[in-house]
Amino acid sequence: MKTSLLVFIICIVNFSFSQKLVPLDSVQDYIGKEVKVCVKVEGTHKSNGKSQLIFLNLGKPYPDAPLLAVIFEKDFKNFNYAPEKYLDKKNVCITGKLVLYKGKPEFVINRENQIQIE
């Protein structure tokens, strides 16, 4: 009985944390929601300003990328690789909350495990 209960709890927890897979052309409909998008990184950029950022252009190169992923400097330490170099031209699945910034949808990436390389 204990084993059945444990399996049931694991299934419920796993289901509640799973993310909806959203096609790139539908991301605008999921602003504010936790989703998963699988897409090619079509370019990257690391800013050189006072506060550094890494931008991942998803789906198309800048400035036409329909979706961005942004990594703030405070989160660089959470990666075992340089995202701006390693992820360029890779097919990835990104999981997180979609937000709007200046009218464009984007992910804010805090941890390496939000990005899975296909």
PDB file of N, CA and C in Angstrom:
ATOM      1  N   MET A   1       0.822  -1.196   0.000  1.00  0.00           N
ATOM      2  CA  MET A   1       0.000   0.000   0.000  1.00  0.00           C
ATOM      3  C   MET A   1       0.866   1.259   0.000  1.00  0.00           C
ATOM      4  N   LYS A   2       1.944   1.243   0.790  1.00  0.00           N
ATOM      5  CA  LYS A   2       2.823   2.407   0.854  1.00  0.00           C
ATOM      6  C   LYS A   2       3.454   2.685  -0.508  1.00  0.00           C
ATOM      7  N   THR A   3       3.819   1.627  -1.226  1.00  0.00           N
ATOM      8  CA  THR A   3       4.434   1.784  -2.544  1.00  0.00           C
ATOM      9  C   THR A   3       3.450   2.431  -3.516  1.00  0.00           C
ATOM     10  N   SER A   4       2.203   1.997  -3.499  1.00  0.00           N
ATOM     11  CA  SER A   4       1.183   2.566  -4.390  1.00  0.00           C
ATOM     12  C   SER A   4       0.964   4.043  -4.094  1.00  0.00           C
ATOM     13  N   LEU A   5       0.926   4.385  -2.827  1.00  0.00           N
ATOM     14  CA  LEU A   5       0.744   5.778  -2.433  1.00  0.00           C
ATOM     15  C   LEU A   5       1.931   6.623  -2.884  1.00  0.00           C
ATOM     16  N   LEU A   6       3.137   6.108  -2.722  1.00  0.00           N
ATOM     17  CA  LEU A   6       4.338   6.827  -3.139  1.00  0.00           C
ATOM     18  C   LEU A   6       4.345   7.051  -4.649  1.00  0.00           C
ATOM     19  N   VAL A   7       4.006   6.033  -5.417  1.00  0.00           N
ATOM     20  CA  VAL A   7       3.945   6.163  -6.879  1.00  0.00           C
ATOM     21  C   VAL A   7       2.895   7.202  -7.267  1.00  0.00           C
ATOM     22  N   PHE A   8       1.744   7.178  -6.620  1.00  0.00           N
ATOM     23  CA  PHE A   8       0.681   8.141  -6.897  1.00  0.00           C
ATOM     24  C   PHE A   8       1.156   9.564  -6.619  1.00  0.00           C
ATOM     25  N   ILE A   9       1.801   9.788  -5.505  1.00  0.00           N
ATOM     26  CA  ILE A   9       2.301  11.123  -5.146  1.00  0.00           C
ATOM     27  C   ILE A   9       3.346  11.593  -6.150  1.00  0.00           C
ATOM     28  N   ILE A  10       4.250  10.707  -6.536  1.00  0.00           N
ATOM     29  CA  ILE A  10       5.277  11.070  -7.520  1.00  0.00           C
ATOM     30  C   ILE A  10       4.624  11.463  -8.843  1.00  0.00           C
ATOM     31  N   CYS A  11       3.614  10.727  -9.267  1.00  0.00           N
ATOM     32  CA  CYS A  11       2.920  11.045 -10.523  1.00  0.00           C
ATOM     33  C   CYS A  11       2.233  12.407 -10.448  1.00  0.00           C
ATOM     34  N   ILE A  12       1.584  12.694  -9.338  1.00  0.00           N
ATOM     35  CA  ILE A  12       0.904  13.985  -9.164  1.00  0.00           C
ATOM     36  C   ILE A  12       1.920  15.123  -9.172  1.00  0.00           C
ATOM     37  N   VAL A  13       3.009  14.979  -8.439  1.00  0.00           N
ATOM     38  CA  VAL A  13       4.042  16.019  -8.391  1.00  0.00           C
ATOM     39  C   VAL A  13       4.645  16.218  -9.774  1.00  0.00           C
ATOM     40  N   ASN A  14       4.959  15.140 -10.466  1.00  0.00           N
ATOM     41  CA  ASN A  14       5.538  15.228 -11.808  1.00  0.00           C
ATOM     42  C   ASN A  14       4.579  15.937 -12.762  1.00  0.00           C
ATOM     43  N   PHE A  15       3.308  15.607 -12.704  1.00  0.00           N
ATOM     44  CA  PHE A  15       2.317  16.234 -13.574  1.00  0.00           C
ATOM     45  C   PHE A  15       2.194  17.722 -13.279  1.00  0.00           C
ATOM     46  N   SER A  16       2.194  18.099 -12.013  1.00  0.00           N
ATOM     47  CA  SER A  16       2.008  19.502 -11.661  1.00  0.00           C
ATOM     48  C   SER A  16       3.195  20.364 -12.061  1.00  0.00           C
ATOM     49  N   PHE A  17       4.389  19.784 -12.186  1.00  0.00           N
ATOM     50  CA  PHE A  17       5.563  20.559 -12.558  1.00  0.00           C
ATOM     51  C   PHE A  17       5.884  20.480 -14.054  1.00  0.00           C
ATOM     52  N   SER A  18       5.141  19.676 -14.806  1.00  0.00           N
ATOM     53  CA  SER A  18       5.424  19.582 -16.237  1.00  0.00           C
ATOM     54  C   SER A  18       4.961  20.859 -16.929  1.00  0.00           C
ATOM     55  N   GLN A  19       5.660  21.219 -17.996  1.00  0.00           N
ATOM     56  CA  GLN A  19       5.372  22.452 -18.706  1.00  0.00           C
ATOM     57  C   GLN A  19       4.677  22.141 -20.024  1.00  0.00           C
ATOM     58  N   LYS A  20       3.828  23.033 -20.452  1.00  0.00           N
ATOM     59  CA  LYS A  20       3.139  22.887 -21.732  1.00  0.00           C
ATOM     60  C   LYS A  20       4.112  23.221 -22.854  1.00  0.00           C
ATOM     61  N   LEU A  21       4.221  22.332 -23.834  1.00  0.00           N
ATOM     62  CA  LEU A  21       5.057  22.566 -25.006  1.00  0.00           C
ATOM     63  C   LEU A  21       4.287  23.470 -25.960  1.00  0.00           C
ATOM     64  N   VAL A  22       4.865  24.636 -26.244  1.00  0.00           N
ATOM     65  CA  VAL A  22       4.199  25.656 -27.049  1.00  0.00           C
ATOM     66  C   VAL A  22       4.985  25.880 -28.333  1.00  0.00           C
ATOM     67  N   PRO A  23       4.305  25.899 -29.496  1.00  0.00           N
ATOM     68  CA  PRO A  23       5.014  26.211 -30.743  1.00  0.00           C
ATOM     69  C   PRO A  23       5.440  27.679 -30.768  1.00  0.00           C
ATOM     70  N   LEU A  24       6.540  27.952 -31.433  1.00  0.00           N
ATOM     71  CA  LEU A  24       7.097  29.305 -31.482  1.00  0.00           C
ATOM     72  C   LEU A  24       6.075  30.331 -31.960  1.00  0.00           C
ATOM     73  N   ASP A  25       5.259  29.982 -32.928  1.00  0.00           N
ATOM     74  CA  ASP A  25       4.309  30.959 -33.472  1.00  0.00           C
ATOM     75  C   ASP A  25       3.112  31.223 -32.555  1.00  0.00           C
ATOM     76  N   SER A  26       3.055  30.565 -31.402  1.00  0.00           N
ATOM     77  CA  SER A  26       1.950  30.765 -30.456  1.00  0.00           C
ATOM     78  C   SER A  26       2.393  31.361 -29.125  1.00  0.00           C
ATOM     79  N   VAL A  27       3.659  31.709 -28.973  1.00  0.00           N
ATOM     80  CA  VAL A  27       4.150  32.156 -27.662  1.00  0.00           C
ATOM     81  C   VAL A  27       3.408  33.388 -27.148  1.00  0.00           C
ATOM     82  N   GLN A  28       2.975  34.261 -28.038  1.00  0.00           N
ATOM     83  CA  GLN A  28       2.277  35.485 -27.637  1.00  0.00           C
ATOM     84  C   GLN A  28       1.020  35.166 -26.822  1.00  0.00           C
ATOM     85  N   ASP A  29       0.434  34.002 -27.049  1.00  0.00           N
ATOM     86  CA  ASP A  29      -0.788  33.605 -26.344  1.00  0.00           C
ATOM     87  C   ASP A  29      -0.519  33.070 -24.938  1.00  0.00           C
ATOM     88  N   TYR A  30       0.743  32.941 -24.568  1.00  0.00           N
ATOM     89  CA  TYR A  30       1.092  32.320 -23.287  1.00  0.00           C
ATOM     90  C   TYR A  30       1.891  33.249 -22.372  1.00  0.00           C
ATOM     91  N   ILE A  31       1.807  34.549 -22.588  1.00  0.00           N
ATOM     92  CA  ILE A  31       2.515  35.507 -21.740  1.00  0.00           C
ATOM     93  C   ILE A  31       2.027  35.339 -20.297  1.00  0.00           C
ATOM     94  N   GLY A  32       2.984  35.267 -19.369  1.00  0.00           N
ATOM     95  CA  GLY A  32       2.656  35.099 -17.956  1.00  0.00           C
ATOM     96  C   GLY A  32       2.521  33.654 -17.517  1.00  0.00           C
ATOM     97  N   LYS A  33       2.686  32.734 -18.451  1.00  0.00           N
ATOM     98  CA  LYS A  33       2.540  31.312 -18.125  1.00  0.00           C
ATOM     99  C   LYS A  33       3.878  30.586 -18.224  1.00  0.00           C
ATOM    100  N   GLU A  34       3.996  29.504 -17.456  1.00  0.00           N
ATOM    101  CA  GLU A  34       5.170  28.629 -17.507  1.00  0.00           C
ATOM    102  C   GLU A  34       5.000  27.681 -18.684  1.00  0.00           C
ATOM    103  N   VAL A  35       5.936  27.732 -19.623  1.00  0.00           N
ATOM    104  CA  VAL A  35       5.838  26.911 -20.830  1.00  0.00           C
ATOM    105  C   VAL A  35       7.208  26.371 -21.218  1.00  0.00           C
ATOM    106  N   LYS A  36       7.180  25.519 -22.225  1.00  0.00           N
ATOM    107  CA  LYS A  36       8.403  24.985 -22.823  1.00  0.00           C
ATOM    108  C   LYS A  36       8.324  25.259 -24.319  1.00  0.00           C
ATOM    109  N   VAL A  37       9.394  25.839 -24.884  1.00  0.00           N
ATOM    110  CA  VAL A  37       9.463  26.129 -26.312  1.00  0.00           C
ATOM    111  C   VAL A  37      10.733  25.493 -26.858  1.00  0.00           C
ATOM    112  N   CYS A  38      10.595  24.731 -27.937  1.00  0.00           N
ATOM    113  CA  CYS A  38      11.748  24.118 -28.597  1.00  0.00           C
ATOM    114  C   CYS A  38      12.004  24.876 -29.893  1.00  0.00           C
ATOM    115  N   VAL A  39      13.251  25.350 -30.049  1.00  0.00           N
ATOM    116  CA  VAL A  39      13.562  26.278 -31.130  1.00  0.00           C
ATOM    117  C   VAL A  39      15.073  26.317 -31.358  1.00  0.00           C
ATOM    118  N   LYS A  40      15.491  26.838 -32.491  1.00  0.00           N
ATOM    119  CA  LYS A  40      16.917  26.996 -32.778  1.00  0.00           C
ATOM    120  C   LYS A  40      17.390  28.375 -32.319  1.00  0.00           C
ATOM    121  N   VAL A  41      18.559  28.408 -31.689  1.00  0.00           N
ATOM    122  CA  VAL A  41      19.194  29.673 -31.323  1.00  0.00           C
ATOM    123  C   VAL A  41      19.845  30.216 -32.593  1.00  0.00           C
ATOM    124  N   GLU A  42      19.349  31.349 -33.075  1.00  0.00           N
ATOM    125  CA  GLU A  42      19.798  31.914 -34.351  1.00  0.00           C
ATOM    126  C   GLU A  42      20.790  33.061 -34.186  1.00  0.00           C
ATOM    127  N   GLY A  43      21.320  33.199 -33.001  1.00  0.00           N
ATOM    128  CA  GLY A  43      22.323  34.231 -32.745  1.00  0.00           C
ATOM    129  C   GLY A  43      22.357  34.543 -31.267  1.00  0.00           C
ATOM    130  N   THR A  44      23.501  35.010 -30.802  1.00  0.00           N
ATOM    131  CA  THR A  44      23.661  35.371 -29.399  1.00  0.00           C
ATOM    132  C   THR A  44      24.424  36.683 -29.310  1.00  0.00           C
ATOM    133  N   HIS A  45      24.297  37.333 -28.155  1.00  0.00           N
ATOM    134  CA  HIS A  45      25.049  38.570 -27.930  1.00  0.00           C
ATOM    135  C   HIS A  45      25.275  38.729 -26.435  1.00  0.00           C
ATOM    136  N   LYS A  46      26.492  39.078 -26.057  1.00  0.00           N
ATOM    137  CA  LYS A  46      26.800  39.410 -24.667  1.00  0.00           C
ATOM    138  C   LYS A  46      27.110  40.893 -24.623  1.00  0.00           C
ATOM    139  N   SER A  47      26.316  41.638 -23.851  1.00  0.00           N
ATOM    140  CA  SER A  47      26.511  43.083 -23.768  1.00  0.00           C
ATOM    141  C   SER A  47      27.781  43.397 -22.992  1.00  0.00           C
ATOM    142  N   ASN A  48      28.358  44.536 -23.288  1.00  0.00           N
ATOM    143  CA  ASN A  48      29.593  44.963 -22.624  1.00  0.00           C
ATOM    144  C   ASN A  48      29.364  46.134 -21.687  1.00  0.00           C
ATOM    145  N   GLY A  49      28.129  46.450 -21.404  1.00  0.00           N
ATOM    146  CA  GLY A  49      27.802  47.593 -20.562  1.00  0.00           C
ATOM    147  C   GLY A  49      28.112  47.362 -19.095  1.00  0.00           C
ATOM    148  N   LYS A  50      27.667  48.318 -18.287  1.00  0.00           N
ATOM    149  CA  LYS A  50      27.899  48.261 -16.843  1.00  0.00           C
ATOM    150  C   LYS A  50      27.311  46.983 -16.235  1.00  0.00           C
ATOM    151  N   SER A  51      26.076  46.681 -16.591  1.00  0.00           N
ATOM    152  CA  SER A  51      25.488  45.404 -16.163  1.00  0.00           C
ATOM    153  C   SER A  51      25.378  44.521 -17.402  1.00  0.00           C
ATOM    154  N   GLN A  52      26.072  43.407 -17.377  1.00  0.00           N
ATOM    155  CA  GLN A  52      26.139  42.542 -18.550  1.00  0.00           C
ATOM    156  C   GLN A  52      24.905  41.652 -18.662  1.00  0.00           C
ATOM    157  N   LEU A  53      24.526  41.400 -19.899  1.00  0.00           N
ATOM    158  CA  LEU A  53      23.413  40.515 -20.227  1.00  0.00           C
ATOM    159  C   LEU A  53      23.837  39.618 -21.372  1.00  0.00           C
ATOM    160  N   ILE A  54      23.243  38.442 -21.438  1.00  0.00           N
ATOM    161  CA  ILE A  54      23.405  37.573 -22.600  1.00  0.00           C
ATOM    162  C   ILE A  54      22.029  37.440 -23.240  1.00  0.00           C
ATOM    163  N   PHE A  55      21.978  37.688 -24.540  1.00  0.00           N
ATOM    164  CA  PHE A  55      20.744  37.562 -25.305  1.00  0.00           C
ATOM    165  C   PHE A  55      20.843  36.361 -26.231  1.00  0.00           C
ATOM    166  N   LEU A  56      19.803  35.555 -26.257  1.00  0.00           N
ATOM    167  CA  LEU A  56      19.687  34.454 -27.209  1.00  0.00           C
ATOM    168  C   LEU A  56      18.528  34.790 -28.140  1.00  0.00           C
ATOM    169  N   ASN A  57      18.817  34.916 -29.424  1.00  0.00           N
ATOM    170  CA  ASN A  57      17.784  35.188 -30.424  1.00  0.00           C
ATOM    171  C   ASN A  57      17.217  33.848 -30.877  1.00  0.00           C
ATOM    172  N   LEU A  58      15.940  33.655 -30.651  1.00  0.00           N
ATOM    173  CA  LEU A  58      15.311  32.361 -30.889  1.00  0.00           C
ATOM    174  C   LEU A  58      14.415  32.405 -32.118  1.00  0.00           C
ATOM    175  N   GLY A  59      14.634  31.471 -33.027  1.00  0.00           N
ATOM    176  CA  GLY A  59      13.791  31.350 -34.208  1.00  0.00           C
ATOM    177  C   GLY A  59      14.280  32.095 -35.430  1.00  0.00           C
ATOM    178  N   LYS A  60      14.800  33.298 -35.240  1.00  0.00           N
ATOM    179  CA  LYS A  60      15.354  34.121 -36.326  1.00  0.00           C
ATOM    180  C   LYS A  60      16.465  34.988 -35.741  1.00  0.00           C
ATOM    181  N   PRO A  61      17.387  35.446 -36.593  1.00  0.00           N
ATOM    182  CA  PRO A  61      18.444  36.339 -36.107  1.00  0.00           C
ATOM    183  C   PRO A  61      17.880  37.703 -35.681  1.00  0.00           C
ATOM    184  N   TYR A  62      18.644  38.413 -34.856  1.00  0.00           N
ATOM    185  CA  TYR A  62      18.319  39.782 -34.471  1.00  0.00           C
ATOM    186  C   TYR A  62      18.300  40.646 -35.722  1.00  0.00           C
ATOM    187  N   PRO A  63      17.382  41.551 -35.892  1.00  0.00           N
ATOM    188  CA  PRO A  63      16.341  42.025 -34.969  1.00  0.00           C
ATOM    189  C   PRO A  63      14.976  41.368 -35.185  1.00  0.00           C
ATOM    190  N   ASP A  64      14.926  40.313 -35.975  1.00  0.00           N
ATOM    191  CA  ASP A  64      13.646  39.698 -36.333  1.00  0.00           C
ATOM    192  C   ASP A  64      13.250  38.515 -35.459  1.00  0.00           C
ATOM    193  N   ALA A  65      14.007  38.240 -34.420  1.00  0.00           N
ATOM    194  CA  ALA A  65      13.709  37.091 -33.557  1.00  0.00           C
ATOM    195  C   ALA A  65      12.325  37.257 -32.926  1.00  0.00           C
ATOM    196  N   PRO A  66      11.445  36.271 -33.099  1.00  0.00           N
ATOM    197  CA  PRO A  66      10.116  36.362 -32.502  1.00  0.00           C
ATOM    198  C   PRO A  66      10.111  36.098 -30.996  1.00  0.00           C
ATOM    199  N   LEU A  67      11.228  35.583 -30.476  1.00  0.00           N
ATOM    200  CA  LEU A  67      11.332  35.255 -29.056  1.00  0.00           C
ATOM    201  C   LEU A  67      12.780  35.420 -28.624  1.00  0.00           C
ATOM    202  N   LEU A  68      12.973  35.996 -27.447  1.00  0.00           N
ATOM    203  CA  LEU A  68      14.309  36.169 -26.879  1.00  0.00           C
ATOM    204  C   LEU A  68      14.415  35.392 -25.580  1.00  0.00           C
ATOM    205  N   ALA A  69      15.640  35.033 -25.242  1.00  0.00           N
ATOM    206  CA  ALA A  69      15.948  34.536 -23.902  1.00  0.00           C
ATOM    207  C   ALA A  69      17.058  35.435 -23.377  1.00  0.00           C
ATOM    208  N   VAL A  70      16.930  35.877 -22.140  1.00  0.00           N
ATOM    209  CA  VAL A  70      17.885  36.801 -21.539  1.00  0.00           C
ATOM    210  C   VAL A  70      18.445  36.173 -20.275  1.00  0.00           C
ATOM    211  N   ILE A  71      19.759  36.292 -20.116  1.00  0.00           N
ATOM    212  CA  ILE A  71      20.432  35.823 -18.902  1.00  0.00           C
ATOM    213  C   ILE A  71      21.126  37.028 -18.283  1.00  0.00           C
ATOM    214  N   PHE A  72      20.788  37.343 -17.039  1.00  0.00           N
ATOM    215  CA  PHE A  72      21.391  38.470 -16.343  1.00  0.00           C
ATOM    216  C   PHE A  72      22.735  38.072 -15.737  1.00  0.00           C
ATOM    217  N   GLU A  73      23.604  39.048 -15.586  1.00  0.00           N
ATOM    218  CA  GLU A  73      24.967  38.820 -15.090  1.00  0.00           C
ATOM    219  C   GLU A  73      24.981  38.048 -13.774  1.00  0.00           C
ATOM    220  N   LYS A  74      24.052  38.338 -12.888  1.00  0.00           N
ATOM    221  CA  LYS A  74      24.012  37.658 -11.583  1.00  0.00           C
ATOM    222  C   LYS A  74      23.805  36.150 -11.729  1.00  0.00           C
ATOM    223  N   ASP A  75      23.306  35.713 -12.887  1.00  0.00           N
ATOM    224  CA  ASP A  75      23.041  34.292 -13.112  1.00  0.00           C
ATOM    225  C   ASP A  75      24.100  33.595 -13.958  1.00  0.00           C
ATOM    226  N   PHE A  76      25.101  34.325 -14.441  1.00  0.00           N
ATOM    227  CA  PHE A  76      26.172  33.701 -15.237  1.00  0.00           C
ATOM    228  C   PHE A  76      26.816  32.551 -14.472  1.00  0.00           C
ATOM    229  N   LYS A  77      26.928  32.706 -13.153  1.00  0.00           N
ATOM    230  CA  LYS A  77      27.586  31.694 -12.311  1.00  0.00           C
ATOM    231  C   LYS A  77      26.818  30.372 -12.283  1.00  0.00           C
ATOM    232  N   ASN A  78      25.563  30.388 -12.697  1.00  0.00           N
ATOM    233  CA  ASN A  78      24.734  29.184 -12.684  1.00  0.00           C
ATOM    234  C   ASN A  78      24.920  28.310 -13.923  1.00  0.00           C
ATOM    235  N   PHE A  79      25.870  28.681 -14.782  1.00  0.00           N
ATOM    236  CA  PHE A  79      26.124  27.944 -16.018  1.00  0.00           C
ATOM    237  C   PHE A  79      27.529  27.366 -16.004  1.00  0.00           C
ATOM    238  N   ASN A  80      27.660  26.129 -16.470  1.00  0.00           N
ATOM    239  CA  ASN A  80      28.965  25.470 -16.575  1.00  0.00           C
ATOM    240  C   ASN A  80      29.613  25.730 -17.922  1.00  0.00           C
ATOM    241  N   TYR A  81      29.022  26.582 -18.711  1.00  0.00           N
ATOM    242  CA  TYR A  81      29.540  26.937 -20.031  1.00  0.00           C
ATOM    243  C   TYR A  81      29.198  28.402 -20.300  1.00  0.00           C
ATOM    244  N   ALA A  82      29.799  28.973 -21.332  1.00  0.00           N
ATOM    245  CA  ALA A  82      29.484  30.343 -21.752  1.00  0.00           C
ATOM    246  C   ALA A  82      28.291  30.269 -22.709  1.00  0.00           C
ATOM    247  N   PRO A  83      27.083  30.602 -22.252  1.00  0.00           N
ATOM    248  CA  PRO A  83      25.890  30.439 -23.085  1.00  0.00           C
ATOM    249  C   PRO A  83      25.976  31.146 -24.435  1.00  0.00           C
ATOM    250  N   GLU A  84      26.589  32.323 -24.464  1.00  0.00           N
ATOM    251  CA  GLU A  84      26.657  33.087 -25.713  1.00  0.00           C
ATOM    252  C   GLU A  84      27.522  32.408 -26.767  1.00  0.00           C
ATOM    253  N   LYS A  85      28.416  31.531 -26.335  1.00  0.00           N
ATOM    254  CA  LYS A  85      29.266  30.791 -27.279  1.00  0.00           C
ATOM    255  C   LYS A  85      28.705  29.393 -27.539  1.00  0.00           C
ATOM    256  N   TYR A  86      28.371  28.704 -26.484  1.00  0.00           N
ATOM    257  CA  TYR A  86      27.990  27.298 -26.583  1.00  0.00           C
ATOM    258  C   TYR A  86      26.627  27.078 -27.246  1.00  0.00           C
ATOM    259  N   LEU A  87      25.679  27.976 -27.022  1.00  0.00           N
ATOM    260  CA  LEU A  87      24.313  27.750 -27.494  1.00  0.00           C
ATOM    261  C   LEU A  87      24.038  28.255 -28.905  1.00  0.00           C
ATOM    262  N   ASP A  88      24.929  29.068 -29.460  1.00  0.00           N
ATOM    263  CA  ASP A  88      24.696  29.634 -30.788  1.00  0.00           C
ATOM    264  C   ASP A  88      24.532  28.532 -31.831  1.00  0.00           C
ATOM    265  N   LYS A  89      23.458  28.619 -32.601  1.00  0.00           N
ATOM    266  CA  LYS A  89      23.114  27.683 -33.688  1.00  0.00           C
ATOM    267  C   LYS A  89      22.689  26.298 -33.198  1.00  0.00           C
ATOM    268  N   LYS A  90      22.411  26.165 -31.904  1.00  0.00           N
ATOM    269  CA  LYS A  90      21.957  24.886 -31.353  1.00  0.00           C
ATOM    270  C   LYS A  90      20.427  24.857 -31.307  1.00  0.00           C
ATOM    271  N   ASN A  91      19.877  23.663 -31.438  1.00  0.00           N
ATOM    272  CA  ASN A  91      18.452  23.448 -31.194  1.00  0.00           C
ATOM    273  C   ASN A  91      18.279  23.203 -29.705  1.00  0.00           C
ATOM    274  N   VAL A  92      17.397  23.984 -29.091  1.00  0.00           N
ATOM    275  CA  VAL A  92      17.215  23.916 -27.643  1.00  0.00           C
ATOM    276  C   VAL A  92      15.729  23.863 -27.296  1.00  0.00           C
ATOM    277  N   CYS A  93      15.460  23.404 -26.089  1.00  0.00           N
ATOM    278  CA  CYS A  93      14.139  23.539 -25.483  1.00  0.00           C
ATOM    279  C   CYS A  93      14.343  24.374 -24.225  1.00  0.00           C
ATOM    280  N   ILE A  94      13.593  25.448 -24.119  1.00  0.00           N
ATOM    281  CA  ILE A  94      13.707  26.357 -22.982  1.00  0.00           C
ATOM    282  C   ILE A  94      12.416  26.293 -22.189  1.00  0.00           C
ATOM    283  N   THR A  95      12.558  26.181 -20.879  1.00  0.00           N
ATOM    284  CA  THR A  95      11.419  26.107 -19.981  1.00  0.00           C
ATOM    285  C   THR A  95      11.449  27.303 -19.045  1.00  0.00           C
ATOM    286  N   GLY A  96      10.302  27.939 -18.884  1.00  0.00           N
ATOM    287  CA  GLY A  96      10.217  29.067 -17.967  1.00  0.00           C
ATOM    288  C   GLY A  96       8.955  29.870 -18.203  1.00  0.00           C
ATOM    289  N   LYS A  97       8.887  30.992 -17.512  1.00  0.00           N
ATOM    290  CA  LYS A  97       7.734  31.882 -17.619  1.00  0.00           C
ATOM    291  C   LYS A  97       7.977  32.876 -18.749  1.00  0.00           C
ATOM    292  N   LEU A  98       7.015  32.981 -19.650  1.00  0.00           N
ATOM    293  CA  LEU A  98       7.102  33.959 -20.733  1.00  0.00           C
ATOM    294  C   LEU A  98       6.664  35.324 -20.216  1.00  0.00           C
ATOM    295  N   VAL A  99       7.462  36.343 -20.499  1.00  0.00           N
ATOM    296  CA  VAL A  99       7.132  37.712 -20.122  1.00  0.00           C
ATOM    297  C   VAL A  99       7.218  38.593 -21.363  1.00  0.00           C
ATOM    298  N   LEU A 100       6.607  39.763 -21.286  1.00  0.00           N
ATOM    299  CA  LEU A 100       6.717  40.744 -22.363  1.00  0.00           C
ATOM    300  C   LEU A 100       7.718  41.809 -21.956  1.00  0.00           C
ATOM    301  N   TYR A 101       8.620  42.152 -22.858  1.00  0.00           N
ATOM    302  CA  TYR A 101       9.550  43.254 -22.638  1.00  0.00           C
ATOM    303  C   TYR A 101       9.591  44.074 -23.919  1.00  0.00           C
ATOM    304  N   LYS A 102       9.189  45.325 -23.811  1.00  0.00           N
ATOM    305  CA  LYS A 102       9.112  46.223 -24.973  1.00  0.00           C
ATOM    306  C   LYS A 102       8.305  45.593 -26.107  1.00  0.00           C
ATOM    307  N   GLY A 103       7.209  44.945 -25.733  1.00  0.00           N
ATOM    308  CA  GLY A 103       6.296  44.379 -26.713  1.00  0.00           C
ATOM    309  C   GLY A 103       6.701  43.043 -27.306  1.00  0.00           C
ATOM    310  N   LYS A 104       7.839  42.491 -26.868  1.00  0.00           N
ATOM    311  CA  LYS A 104       8.310  41.202 -27.403  1.00  0.00           C
ATOM    312  C   LYS A 104       8.311  40.152 -26.297  1.00  0.00           C
ATOM    313  N   PRO A 105       7.917  38.919 -26.636  1.00  0.00           N
ATOM    314  CA  PRO A 105       7.970  37.854 -25.634  1.00  0.00           C
ATOM    315  C   PRO A 105       9.408  37.415 -25.375  1.00  0.00           C
ATOM    316  N   GLU A 106       9.680  37.103 -24.115  1.00  0.00           N
ATOM    317  CA  GLU A 106      11.016  36.618 -23.767  1.00  0.00           C
ATOM    318  C   GLU A 106      10.962  35.729 -22.539  1.00  0.00           C
ATOM    319  N   PHE A 107      11.995  34.914 -22.434  1.00  0.00           N
ATOM    320  CA  PHE A 107      12.264  34.137 -21.230  1.00  0.00           C
ATOM    321  C   PHE A 107      13.375  34.843 -20.471  1.00  0.00           C
ATOM    322  N   VAL A 108      13.292  34.866 -19.159  1.00  0.00           N
ATOM    323  CA  VAL A 108      14.423  35.263 -18.326  1.00  0.00           C
ATOM    324  C   VAL A 108      14.976  33.961 -17.762  1.00  0.00           C
ATOM    325  N   ILE A 109      16.220  33.659 -18.127  1.00  0.00           N
ATOM    326  CA  ILE A 109      16.840  32.391 -17.747  1.00  0.00           C
ATOM    327  C   ILE A 109      17.705  32.609 -16.509  1.00  0.00           C
ATOM    328  N   ASN A 110      17.440  31.831 -15.462  1.00  0.00           N
ATOM    329  CA  ASN A 110      18.200  31.939 -14.213  1.00  0.00           C
ATOM    330  C   ASN A 110      19.146  30.774 -13.977  1.00  0.00           C
ATOM    331  N   ARG A 111      18.833  29.619 -14.607  1.00  0.00           N
ATOM    332  CA  ARG A 111      19.602  28.406 -14.334  1.00  0.00           C
ATOM    333  C   ARG A 111      19.847  27.631 -15.626  1.00  0.00           C
ATOM    334  N   GLU A 112      20.954  26.949 -15.656  1.00  0.00           N
ATOM    335  CA  GLU A 112      21.324  26.122 -16.809  1.00  0.00           C
ATOM    336  C   GLU A 112      20.260  25.076 -17.127  1.00  0.00           C
ATOM    337  N   ASN A 113      19.616  24.517 -16.103  1.00  0.00           N
ATOM    338  CA  ASN A 113      18.655  23.437 -16.351  1.00  0.00           C
ATOM    339  C   ASN A 113      17.353  23.912 -16.998  1.00  0.00           C
ATOM    340  N   GLN A 114      17.206  25.209 -17.226  1.00  0.00           N
ATOM    341  CA  GLN A 114      16.057  25.711 -17.980  1.00  0.00           C
ATOM    342  C   GLN A 114      16.263  25.524 -19.486  1.00  0.00           C
ATOM    343  N   ILE A 115      17.494  25.224 -19.889  1.00  0.00           N
ATOM    344  CA  ILE A 115      17.821  25.060 -21.304  1.00  0.00           C
ATOM    345  C   ILE A 115      18.290  23.632 -21.537  1.00  0.00           C
ATOM    346  N   GLN A 116      17.582  22.930 -22.394  1.00  0.00           N
ATOM    347  CA  GLN A 116      17.980  21.572 -22.778  1.00  0.00           C
ATOM    348  C   GLN A 116      18.403  21.611 -24.241  1.00  0.00           C
ATOM    349  N   ILE A 117      19.555  21.047 -24.524  1.00  0.00           N
ATOM    350  CA  ILE A 117      20.054  21.013 -25.892  1.00  0.00           C
ATOM    351  C   ILE A 117      19.534  19.751 -26.555  1.00  0.00           C
ATOM    352  N   GLU A 118      18.962  19.916 -27.731  1.00  0.00           N
ATOM    353  CA  GLU A 118      18.374  18.781 -28.456  1.00  0.00           C
ATOM    354  C   GLU A 118      19.422  18.072 -29.269  1.00  0.00           C
TER     355      GLU A 118
END
